Amino acid sequence: MARTIVGAVRQVDTVARLAGDEFTVLCENVDSEEAALQIVTKLQHAFEPPLDIDGEPLAVRASIGLSLFPRDAQDARTLMASADAAMYRIKQGHKRRL
């Protein structure tokens, strides 16, 4: 998953694994929600084909939460909490559609 994420974002973006299957992407110099949504779309497209795990295809669905500074938070901790809350809202939406 990490390789897929790194391949979908810019070289200047920072990708980090938080825990288990949760990752974060820090994108600097994204000056509008539209630009941020373009990154989200690119990440979603990166997970459309199944991942190859030891020669076996594995379908993966990414739940992506978006948080923008300073709109959603004034500090890093709150920004991460805002993105986490957004991600869980997306996950709940996926569960309701099943």
PDB file of N, CA and C in Angstrom:
ATOM      1  N   MET A   1       0.822  -1.190   0.000  1.00  0.00           N
ATOM      2  CA  MET A   1       0.000   0.000   0.000  1.00  0.00           C
ATOM      3  C   MET A   1       0.864   1.251   0.000  1.00  0.00           C
ATOM      4  N   ALA A   2       1.940   1.202   0.765  1.00  0.00           N
ATOM      5  CA  ALA A   2       2.821   2.375   0.838  1.00  0.00           C
ATOM      6  C   ALA A   2       3.368   2.721  -0.540  1.00  0.00           C
ATOM      7  N   ARG A   3       3.786   1.717  -1.299  1.00  0.00           N
ATOM      8  CA  ARG A   3       4.323   1.985  -2.644  1.00  0.00           C
ATOM      9  C   ARG A   3       3.263   2.608  -3.540  1.00  0.00           C
ATOM     10  N   THR A   4       2.029   2.137  -3.416  1.00  0.00           N
ATOM     11  CA  THR A   4       0.945   2.700  -4.218  1.00  0.00           C
ATOM     12  C   THR A   4       0.724   4.161  -3.867  1.00  0.00           C
ATOM     13  N   ILE A   5       0.719   4.468  -2.580  1.00  0.00           N
ATOM     14  CA  ILE A   5       0.511   5.854  -2.140  1.00  0.00           C
ATOM     15  C   ILE A   5       1.657   6.736  -2.606  1.00  0.00           C
ATOM     16  N   VAL A   6       2.887   6.300  -2.370  1.00  0.00           N
ATOM     17  CA  VAL A   6       4.061   7.089  -2.770  1.00  0.00           C
ATOM     18  C   VAL A   6       4.045   7.335  -4.274  1.00  0.00           C
ATOM     19  N   GLY A   7       3.623   6.327  -5.044  1.00  0.00           N
ATOM     20  CA  GLY A   7       3.576   6.480  -6.499  1.00  0.00           C
ATOM     21  C   GLY A   7       2.501   7.432  -6.980  1.00  0.00           C
ATOM     22  N   ALA A   8       1.511   7.718  -6.133  1.00  0.00           N
ATOM     23  CA  ALA A   8       0.386   8.564  -6.539  1.00  0.00           C
ATOM     24  C   ALA A   8       0.541  10.027  -6.136  1.00  0.00           C
ATOM     25  N   VAL A   9       1.488  10.326  -5.255  1.00  0.00           N
ATOM     26  CA  VAL A   9       1.644  11.706  -4.793  1.00  0.00           C
ATOM     27  C   VAL A   9       2.946  12.298  -5.327  1.00  0.00           C
ATOM     28  N   ARG A  10       3.112  13.572  -5.089  1.00  0.00           N
ATOM     29  CA  ARG A  10       4.308  14.263  -5.567  1.00  0.00           C
ATOM     30  C   ARG A  10       5.525  13.866  -4.734  1.00  0.00           C
ATOM     31  N   GLN A  11       6.700  14.015  -5.307  1.00  0.00           N
ATOM     32  CA  GLN A  11       7.936  13.681  -4.585  1.00  0.00           C
ATOM     33  C   GLN A  11       8.106  14.520  -3.329  1.00  0.00           C
ATOM     34  N   VAL A  12       7.579  15.735  -3.319  1.00  0.00           N
ATOM     35  CA  VAL A  12       7.735  16.621  -2.167  1.00  0.00           C
ATOM     36  C   VAL A  12       6.754  16.308  -1.041  1.00  0.00           C
ATOM     37  N   ASP A  13       5.754  15.454  -1.309  1.00  0.00           N
ATOM     38  CA  ASP A  13       4.784  15.096  -0.281  1.00  0.00           C
ATOM     39  C   ASP A  13       5.394  14.060   0.660  1.00  0.00           C
ATOM     40  N   THR A  14       4.928  14.060   1.897  1.00  0.00           N
ATOM     41  CA  THR A  14       5.421  13.122   2.898  1.00  0.00           C
ATOM     42  C   THR A  14       4.362  12.058   3.150  1.00  0.00           C
ATOM     43  N   VAL A  15       4.753  10.796   3.025  1.00  0.00           N
ATOM     44  CA  VAL A  15       3.866   9.662   3.281  1.00  0.00           C
ATOM     45  C   VAL A  15       4.371   8.954   4.530  1.00  0.00           C
ATOM     46  N   ALA A  16       3.459   8.684   5.468  1.00  0.00           N
ATOM     47  CA  ALA A  16       3.842   8.000   6.706  1.00  0.00           C
ATOM     48  C   ALA A  16       2.767   6.992   7.090  1.00  0.00           C
ATOM     49  N   ARG A  17       3.206   5.862   7.613  1.00  0.00           N
ATOM     50  CA  ARG A  17       2.273   4.863   8.137  1.00  0.00           C
ATOM     51  C   ARG A  17       2.010   5.224   9.595  1.00  0.00           C
ATOM     52  N   LEU A  18       0.732   5.347   9.937  1.00  0.00           N
ATOM     53  CA  LEU A  18       0.370   5.702  11.303  1.00  0.00           C
ATOM     54  C   LEU A  18       0.251   4.456  12.168  1.00  0.00           C
ATOM     55  N   ALA A  19      -0.506   3.481  11.693  1.00  0.00           N
ATOM     56  CA  ALA A  19      -0.705   2.233  12.434  1.00  0.00           C
ATOM     57  C   ALA A  19      -1.494   1.288  11.544  1.00  0.00           C
ATOM     58  N   GLY A  20      -1.204   0.012  11.635  1.00  0.00           N
ATOM     59  CA  GLY A  20      -1.967  -0.976  10.878  1.00  0.00           C
ATOM     60  C   GLY A  20      -2.085  -0.598   9.418  1.00  0.00           C
ATOM     61  N   ASP A  21      -3.320  -0.364   8.989  1.00  0.00           N
ATOM     62  CA  ASP A  21      -3.567  -0.029   7.580  1.00  0.00           C
ATOM     63  C   ASP A  21      -3.847   1.462   7.390  1.00  0.00           C
ATOM     64  N   GLU A  22      -3.431   2.288   8.338  1.00  0.00           N
ATOM     65  CA  GLU A  22      -3.664   3.731   8.235  1.00  0.00           C
ATOM     66  C   GLU A  22      -2.372   4.458   7.870  1.00  0.00           C
ATOM     67  N   PHE A  23      -2.504   5.288   6.849  1.00  0.00           N
ATOM     68  CA  PHE A  23      -1.387   6.094   6.371  1.00  0.00           C
ATOM     69  C   PHE A  23      -1.824   7.547   6.359  1.00  0.00           C
ATOM     70  N   THR A  24      -0.855   8.435   6.358  1.00  0.00           N
ATOM     71  CA  THR A  24      -1.150   9.856   6.192  1.00  0.00           C
ATOM     72  C   THR A  24      -0.249  10.411   5.104  1.00  0.00           C
ATOM     73  N   VAL A  25      -0.764  11.409   4.415  1.00  0.00           N
ATOM     74  CA  VAL A  25       0.012  12.098   3.387  1.00  0.00           C
ATOM     75  C   VAL A  25      -0.033  13.585   3.726  1.00  0.00           C
ATOM     76  N   LEU A  26       1.125  14.158   3.912  1.00  0.00           N
ATOM     77  CA  LEU A  26       1.236  15.587   4.165  1.00  0.00           C
ATOM     78  C   LEU A  26       1.630  16.250   2.858  1.00  0.00           C
ATOM     79  N   CYS A  27       0.757  17.106   2.368  1.00  0.00           N
ATOM     80  CA  CYS A  27       0.979  17.789   1.094  1.00  0.00           C
ATOM     81  C   CYS A  27       1.130  19.282   1.369  1.00  0.00           C
ATOM     82  N   GLU A  28       2.325  19.771   1.215  1.00  0.00           N
ATOM     83  CA  GLU A  28       2.570  21.194   1.424  1.00  0.00           C
ATOM     84  C   GLU A  28       2.272  21.972   0.147  1.00  0.00           C
ATOM     85  N   ASN A  29       2.021  23.263   0.312  1.00  0.00           N
ATOM     86  CA  ASN A  29       1.775  24.175  -0.801  1.00  0.00           C
ATOM     87  C   ASN A  29       0.587  23.762  -1.651  1.00  0.00           C
ATOM     88  N   VAL A  30      -0.457  23.261  -1.000  1.00  0.00           N
ATOM     89  CA  VAL A  30      -1.733  22.992  -1.654  1.00  0.00           C
ATOM     90  C   VAL A  30      -2.636  24.132  -1.226  1.00  0.00           C
ATOM     91  N   ASP A  31      -2.930  25.029  -2.154  1.00  0.00           N
ATOM     92  CA  ASP A  31      -3.545  26.294  -1.765  1.00  0.00           C
ATOM     93  C   ASP A  31      -5.059  26.370  -1.933  1.00  0.00           C
ATOM     94  N   SER A  32      -5.697  25.261  -2.304  1.00  0.00           N
ATOM     95  CA  SER A  32      -7.151  25.299  -2.434  1.00  0.00           C
ATOM     96  C   SER A  32      -7.736  23.909  -2.204  1.00  0.00           C
ATOM     97  N   GLU A  33      -9.014  23.889  -1.881  1.00  0.00           N
ATOM     98  CA  GLU A  33      -9.691  22.602  -1.711  1.00  0.00           C
ATOM     99  C   GLU A  33      -9.706  21.842  -3.031  1.00  0.00           C
ATOM    100  N   GLU A  34      -9.858  22.560  -4.126  1.00  0.00           N
ATOM    101  CA  GLU A  34      -9.863  21.919  -5.452  1.00  0.00           C
ATOM    102  C   GLU A  34      -8.546  21.183  -5.703  1.00  0.00           C
ATOM    103  N   ALA A  35      -7.420  21.815  -5.380  1.00  0.00           N
ATOM    104  CA  ALA A  35      -6.114  21.168  -5.556  1.00  0.00           C
ATOM    105  C   ALA A  35      -5.987  19.939  -4.656  1.00  0.00           C
ATOM    106  N   ALA A  36      -6.490  20.044  -3.431  1.00  0.00           N
ATOM    107  CA  ALA A  36      -6.444  18.910  -2.507  1.00  0.00           C
ATOM    108  C   ALA A  36      -7.316  17.768  -3.016  1.00  0.00           C
ATOM    109  N   LEU A  37      -8.485  18.097  -3.555  1.00  0.00           N
ATOM    110  CA  LEU A  37      -9.375  17.064  -4.083  1.00  0.00           C
ATOM    111  C   LEU A  37      -8.778  16.371  -5.304  1.00  0.00           C
ATOM    112  N   GLN A  38      -7.964  17.074  -6.068  1.00  0.00           N
ATOM    113  CA  GLN A  38      -7.264  16.439  -7.189  1.00  0.00           C
ATOM    114  C   GLN A  38      -6.297  15.375  -6.683  1.00  0.00           C
ATOM    115  N   ILE A  39      -5.643  15.643  -5.569  1.00  0.00           N
ATOM    116  CA  ILE A  39      -4.733  14.658  -4.971  1.00  0.00           C
ATOM    117  C   ILE A  39      -5.530  13.459  -4.473  1.00  0.00           C
ATOM    118  N   VAL A  40      -6.666  13.709  -3.820  1.00  0.00           N
ATOM    119  CA  VAL A  40      -7.528  12.630  -3.341  1.00  0.00           C
ATOM    120  C   VAL A  40      -7.974  11.759  -4.521  1.00  0.00           C
ATOM    121  N   THR A  41      -8.382  12.380  -5.605  1.00  0.00           N
ATOM    122  CA  THR A  41      -8.818  11.637  -6.794  1.00  0.00           C
ATOM    123  C   THR A  41      -7.688  10.784  -7.344  1.00  0.00           C
ATOM    124  N   LYS A  42      -6.497  11.328  -7.387  1.00  0.00           N
ATOM    125  CA  LYS A  42      -5.346  10.567  -7.878  1.00  0.00           C
ATOM    126  C   LYS A  42      -5.071   9.356  -6.981  1.00  0.00           C
ATOM    127  N   LEU A  43      -5.185   9.535  -5.683  1.00  0.00           N
ATOM    128  CA  LEU A  43      -5.008   8.416  -4.754  1.00  0.00           C
ATOM    129  C   LEU A  43      -6.104   7.363  -4.949  1.00  0.00           C
ATOM    130  N   GLN A  44      -7.343   7.802  -5.113  1.00  0.00           N
ATOM    131  CA  GLN A  44      -8.440   6.858  -5.324  1.00  0.00           C
ATOM    132  C   GLN A  44      -8.205   6.038  -6.591  1.00  0.00           C
ATOM    133  N   HIS A  45      -7.764   6.699  -7.658  1.00  0.00           N
ATOM    134  CA  HIS A  45      -7.489   5.994  -8.918  1.00  0.00           C
ATOM    135  C   HIS A  45      -6.337   5.004  -8.764  1.00  0.00           C
ATOM    136  N   ALA A  46      -5.375   5.337  -7.924  1.00  0.00           N
ATOM    137  CA  ALA A  46      -4.226   4.446  -7.718  1.00  0.00           C
ATOM    138  C   ALA A  46      -4.652   3.120  -7.092  1.00  0.00           C
ATOM    139  N   PHE A  47      -5.765   3.122  -6.348  1.00  0.00           N
ATOM    140  CA  PHE A  47      -6.228   1.902  -5.697  1.00  0.00           C
ATOM    141  C   PHE A  47      -7.328   1.178  -6.474  1.00  0.00           C
ATOM    142  N   GLU A  48      -7.652   1.649  -7.680  1.00  0.00           N
ATOM    143  CA  GLU A  48      -8.668   0.960  -8.479  1.00  0.00           C
ATOM    144  C   GLU A  48      -8.217  -0.432  -8.922  1.00  0.00           C
ATOM    145  N   PRO A  49      -7.007  -0.570  -9.479  1.00  0.00           N
ATOM    146  CA  PRO A  49      -6.587  -1.938  -9.808  1.00  0.00           C
ATOM    147  C   PRO A  49      -6.207  -2.690  -8.537  1.00  0.00           C
ATOM    148  N   PRO A  50      -6.420  -4.006  -8.520  1.00  0.00           N
ATOM    149  CA  PRO A  50      -6.025  -4.759  -7.326  1.00  0.00           C
ATOM    150  C   PRO A  50      -4.517  -4.697  -7.109  1.00  0.00           C
ATOM    151  N   LEU A  51      -4.116  -4.742  -5.849  1.00  0.00           N
ATOM    152  CA  LEU A  51      -2.689  -4.797  -5.525  1.00  0.00           C
ATOM    153  C   LEU A  51      -2.196  -6.218  -5.766  1.00  0.00           C
ATOM    154  N   ASP A  52      -0.948  -6.353  -6.153  1.00  0.00           N
ATOM    155  CA  ASP A  52      -0.333  -7.665  -6.358  1.00  0.00           C
ATOM    156  C   ASP A  52       0.414  -8.032  -5.081  1.00  0.00           C
ATOM    157  N   ILE A  53      -0.105  -9.012  -4.364  1.00  0.00           N
ATOM    158  CA  ILE A  53       0.519  -9.478  -3.129  1.00  0.00           C
ATOM    159  C   ILE A  53       0.995 -10.906  -3.361  1.00  0.00           C
ATOM    160  N   ASP A  54       2.299 -11.064  -3.501  1.00  0.00           N
ATOM    161  CA  ASP A  54       2.887 -12.385  -3.772  1.00  0.00           C
ATOM    162  C   ASP A  54       2.225 -13.072  -4.953  1.00  0.00           C
ATOM    163  N   GLY A  55       1.977 -12.293  -6.016  1.00  0.00           N
ATOM    164  CA  GLY A  55       1.394 -12.854  -7.227  1.00  0.00           C
ATOM    165  C   GLY A  55      -0.112 -13.014  -7.201  1.00  0.00           C
ATOM    166  N   GLU A  56      -0.747 -12.662  -6.107  1.00  0.00           N
ATOM    167  CA  GLU A  56      -2.203 -12.766  -5.981  1.00  0.00           C
ATOM    168  C   GLU A  56      -2.824 -11.374  -5.977  1.00  0.00           C
ATOM    169  N   PRO A  57      -3.894 -11.164  -6.753  1.00  0.00           N
ATOM    170  CA  PRO A  57      -4.559  -9.856  -6.744  1.00  0.00           C
ATOM    171  C   PRO A  57      -5.368  -9.663  -5.463  1.00  0.00           C
ATOM    172  N   LEU A  58      -5.261  -8.488  -4.897  1.00  0.00           N
ATOM    173  CA  LEU A  58      -6.006  -8.155  -3.684  1.00  0.00           C
ATOM    174  C   LEU A  58      -6.688  -6.802  -3.893  1.00  0.00           C
ATOM    175  N   ALA A  59      -8.015  -6.822  -3.895  1.00  0.00           N
ATOM    176  CA  ALA A  59      -8.774  -5.581  -4.052  1.00  0.00           C
ATOM    177  C   ALA A  59      -8.691  -4.783  -2.751  1.00  0.00           C
ATOM    178  N   VAL A  60      -8.367  -3.504  -2.874  1.00  0.00           N
ATOM    179  CA  VAL A  60      -8.231  -2.624  -1.718  1.00  0.00           C
ATOM    180  C   VAL A  60      -9.077  -1.382  -1.969  1.00  0.00           C
ATOM    181  N   ARG A  61      -9.821  -0.975  -0.955  1.00  0.00           N
ATOM    182  CA  ARG A  61     -10.583   0.281  -1.045  1.00  0.00           C
ATOM    183  C   ARG A  61      -9.981   1.245  -0.044  1.00  0.00           C
ATOM    184  N   ALA A  62      -9.640   2.411  -0.504  1.00  0.00           N
ATOM    185  CA  ALA A  62      -9.044   3.423   0.367  1.00  0.00           C
ATOM    186  C   ALA A  62     -10.124   4.387   0.851  1.00  0.00           C
ATOM    187  N   SER A  63     -10.173   4.606   2.152  1.00  0.00           N
ATOM    188  CA  SER A  63     -11.040   5.623   2.735  1.00  0.00           C
ATOM    189  C   SER A  63     -10.138   6.810   3.044  1.00  0.00           C
ATOM    190  N   ILE A  64     -10.380   7.916   2.365  1.00  0.00           N
ATOM    191  CA  ILE A  64      -9.469   9.054   2.433  1.00  0.00           C
ATOM    192  C   ILE A  64     -10.165  10.232   3.097  1.00  0.00           C
ATOM    193  N   GLY A  65      -9.592  10.683   4.203  1.00  0.00           N
ATOM    194  CA  GLY A  65     -10.089  11.865   4.893  1.00  0.00           C
ATOM    195  C   GLY A  65      -9.226  13.060   4.523  1.00  0.00           C
ATOM    196  N   LEU A  66      -9.847  14.185   4.325  1.00  0.00           N
ATOM    197  CA  LEU A  66      -9.143  15.394   3.892  1.00  0.00           C
ATOM    198  C   LEU A  66      -9.286  16.474   4.952  1.00  0.00           C
ATOM    199  N   SER A  67      -8.176  17.123   5.261  1.00  0.00           N
ATOM    200  CA  SER A  67      -8.175  18.232   6.195  1.00  0.00           C
ATOM    201  C   SER A  67      -7.218  19.292   5.659  1.00  0.00           C
ATOM    202  N   LEU A  68      -7.656  20.534   5.674  1.00  0.00           N
ATOM    203  CA  LEU A  68      -6.848  21.626   5.132  1.00  0.00           C
ATOM    204  C   LEU A  68      -6.469  22.623   6.224  1.00  0.00           C
ATOM    205  N   PHE A  69      -5.236  23.082   6.176  1.00  0.00           N
ATOM    206  CA  PHE A  69      -4.742  24.135   7.060  1.00  0.00           C
ATOM    207  C   PHE A  69      -4.848  25.456   6.315  1.00  0.00           C
ATOM    208  N   PRO A  70      -5.346  26.481   6.882  1.00  0.00           N
ATOM    209  CA  PRO A  70      -5.853  26.678   8.237  1.00  0.00           C
ATOM    210  C   PRO A  70      -7.368  26.497   8.350  1.00  0.00           C
ATOM    211  N   ARG A  71      -8.020  26.106   7.263  1.00  0.00           N
ATOM    212  CA  ARG A  71      -9.489  25.988   7.287  1.00  0.00           C
ATOM    213  C   ARG A  71      -9.987  25.068   8.400  1.00  0.00           C
ATOM    214  N   ASP A  72      -9.371  23.888   8.542  1.00  0.00           N
ATOM    215  CA  ASP A  72      -9.875  22.866   9.454  1.00  0.00           C
ATOM    216  C   ASP A  72      -9.161  22.813  10.792  1.00  0.00           C
ATOM    217  N   ALA A  73      -8.015  23.451  10.896  1.00  0.00           N
ATOM    218  CA  ALA A  73      -7.248  23.401  12.138  1.00  0.00           C
ATOM    219  C   ALA A  73      -6.130  24.421  12.098  1.00  0.00           C
ATOM    220  N   GLN A  74      -5.667  24.803  13.297  1.00  0.00           N
ATOM    221  CA  GLN A  74      -4.594  25.783  13.409  1.00  0.00           C
ATOM    222  C   GLN A  74      -3.260  25.169  13.811  1.00  0.00           C
ATOM    223  N   ASP A  75      -3.252  23.863  14.111  1.00  0.00           N
ATOM    224  CA  ASP A  75      -2.004  23.207  14.503  1.00  0.00           C
ATOM    225  C   ASP A  75      -1.997  21.778  13.966  1.00  0.00           C
ATOM    226  N   ALA A  76      -0.836  21.154  13.975  1.00  0.00           N
ATOM    227  CA  ALA A  76      -0.661  19.821  13.380  1.00  0.00           C
ATOM    228  C   ALA A  76      -1.530  18.770  14.056  1.00  0.00           C
ATOM    229  N   ARG A  77      -1.599  18.771  15.371  1.00  0.00           N
ATOM    230  CA  ARG A  77      -2.375  17.754  16.098  1.00  0.00           C
ATOM    231  C   ARG A  77      -3.857  17.830  15.718  1.00  0.00           C
ATOM    232  N   THR A  78      -4.399  19.032  15.706  1.00  0.00           N
ATOM    233  CA  THR A  78      -5.808  19.206  15.373  1.00  0.00           C
ATOM    234  C   THR A  78      -6.064  18.915  13.896  1.00  0.00           C
ATOM    235  N   LEU A  79      -5.108  19.245  13.050  1.00  0.00           N
ATOM    236  CA  LEU A  79      -5.237  18.952  11.622  1.00  0.00           C
ATOM    237  C   LEU A  79      -5.324  17.445  11.394  1.00  0.00           C
ATOM    238  N   MET A  80      -4.475  16.687  12.085  1.00  0.00           N
ATOM    239  CA  MET A  80      -4.517  15.223  11.974  1.00  0.00           C
ATOM    240  C   MET A  80      -5.831  14.681  12.520  1.00  0.00           C
ATOM    241  N   ALA A  81      -6.306  15.223  13.624  1.00  0.00           N
ATOM    242  CA  ALA A  81      -7.577  14.770  14.198  1.00  0.00           C
ATOM    243  C   ALA A  81      -8.731  15.059  13.242  1.00  0.00           C
ATOM    244  N   SER A  82      -8.686  16.190  12.576  1.00  0.00           N
ATOM    245  CA  SER A  82      -9.716  16.553  11.610  1.00  0.00           C
ATOM    246  C   SER A  82      -9.708  15.595  10.417  1.00  0.00           C
ATOM    247  N   ALA A  83      -8.526  15.272   9.920  1.00  0.00           N
ATOM    248  CA  ALA A  83      -8.406  14.329   8.798  1.00  0.00           C
ATOM    249  C   ALA A  83      -8.879  12.943   9.219  1.00  0.00           C
ATOM    250  N   ASP A  84      -8.551  12.535  10.434  1.00  0.00           N
ATOM    251  CA  ASP A  84      -8.963  11.233  10.951  1.00  0.00           C
ATOM    252  C   ASP A  84     -10.486  11.152  11.052  1.00  0.00           C
ATOM    253  N   ALA A  85     -11.110  12.209  11.557  1.00  0.00           N
ATOM    254  CA  ALA A  85     -12.569  12.243  11.657  1.00  0.00           C
ATOM    255  C   ALA A  85     -13.207  12.187  10.267  1.00  0.00           C
ATOM    256  N   ALA A  86     -12.612  12.897   9.307  1.00  0.00           N
ATOM    257  CA  ALA A  86     -13.125  12.868   7.932  1.00  0.00           C
ATOM    258  C   ALA A  86     -13.008  11.464   7.341  1.00  0.00           C
ATOM    259  N   MET A  87     -11.901  10.778   7.611  1.00  0.00           N
ATOM    260  CA  MET A  87     -11.701   9.425   7.107  1.00  0.00           C
ATOM    261  C   MET A  87     -12.759   8.485   7.685  1.00  0.00           C
ATOM    262  N   TYR A  88     -13.053   8.597   8.967  1.00  0.00           N
ATOM    263  CA  TYR A  88     -14.046   7.715   9.577  1.00  0.00           C
ATOM    264  C   TYR A  88     -15.447   7.995   9.054  1.00  0.00           C
ATOM    265  N   ARG A  89     -15.748   9.241   8.693  1.00  0.00           N
ATOM    266  CA  ARG A  89     -17.037   9.537   8.060  1.00  0.00           C
ATOM    267  C   ARG A  89     -17.128   8.826   6.707  1.00  0.00           C
ATOM    268  N   ILE A  90     -16.027   8.818   5.956  1.00  0.00           N
ATOM    269  CA  ILE A  90     -15.987   8.117   4.668  1.00  0.00           C
ATOM    270  C   ILE A  90     -16.179   6.618   4.884  1.00  0.00           C
ATOM    271  N   LYS A  91     -15.491   6.046   5.870  1.00  0.00           N
ATOM    272  CA  LYS A  91     -15.623   4.616   6.157  1.00  0.00           C
ATOM    273  C   LYS A  91     -17.071   4.264   6.505  1.00  0.00           C
ATOM    274  N   GLN A  92     -17.720   5.093   7.299  1.00  0.00           N
ATOM    275  CA  GLN A  92     -19.125   4.838   7.662  1.00  0.00           C
ATOM    276  C   GLN A  92     -20.008   4.864   6.421  1.00  0.00           C
ATOM    277  N   GLY A  93     -19.727   5.770   5.501  1.00  0.00           N
ATOM    278  CA  GLY A  93     -20.476   5.835   4.244  1.00  0.00           C
ATOM    279  C   GLY A  93     -20.307   4.563   3.429  1.00  0.00           C
ATOM    280  N   HIS A  94     -19.094   3.992   3.419  1.00  0.00           N
ATOM    281  CA  HIS A  94     -18.860   2.740   2.710  1.00  0.00           C
ATOM    282  C   HIS A  94     -19.687   1.630   3.334  1.00  0.00           C
ATOM    283  N   LYS A  95     -19.747   1.578   4.652  1.00  0.00           N
ATOM    284  CA  LYS A  95     -20.484   0.507   5.344  1.00  0.00           C
ATOM    285  C   LYS A  95     -21.982   0.610   5.049  1.00  0.00           C
ATOM    286  N   ARG A  96     -22.506   1.818   4.974  1.00  0.00           N
ATOM    287  CA  ARG A  96     -23.949   1.988   4.718  1.00  0.00           C
ATOM    288  C   ARG A  96     -24.319   1.525   3.307  1.00  0.00           C
ATOM    289  N   ARG A  97     -23.357   1.574   2.367  1.00  0.00           N
ATOM    290  CA  ARG A  97     -23.645   1.176   0.991  1.00  0.00           C
ATOM    291  C   ARG A  97     -23.547  -0.324   0.779  1.00  0.00           C
ATOM    292  N   LEU A  98     -23.000  -1.055   1.737  1.00  0.00           N
ATOM    293  CA  LEU A  98     -22.860  -2.514   1.577  1.00  0.00           C
ATOM    294  C   LEU A  98     -24.162  -3.235   1.811  1.00  0.00           C
TER     295      LEU A  98
END
